[in-house]
Amino acid sequence: SGDQSLCLKNTHASDVRPIGFAFREEAQELLTGADLAGMAATEENVGEMVTVANDLTQGLDMLRDHQEYMRMREEQHRATVANTNSKVLWWTCFEAVILVGMACWQILYIRTFFEVKRYV
């Protein structure tokens, strides 16, 4: 009982990566025949168990629906972020080209402005 760990390794693959996970094992007391004699199932106990099972099923269904919604939402947001990043990249490249063009034009314009023209 207690914390346990297990590590698996695939030695037949070219890319060998160990995969590990942990799990907890709880010790349970074994019931004897004398203990089981006083635990007869009654209609009331079974009805309560059915109610609890139905509540758990509804909760799990709601959780599954919520997870599907969150996955869909994350996928949409990821697509939006990728699209926005692409637009920002292209806009930045366009700005860089314009900036380099303006710098070259200013250099040429100032060079011609300070050029001395001689007429013979």
Foldseek 3Di string as FASTA:
>chain_A
DAKDKDKDWDPVDPDIDIDIDIDTDDDDDDDDPVRVVVVDDDPVNVVVVVVVVVVVVVVVVVVVVVVVVVVVVVVVVVVVVVVVVVVVVVVVVVVVVVVVVVVVVVVVVVVVVPDDDDDD
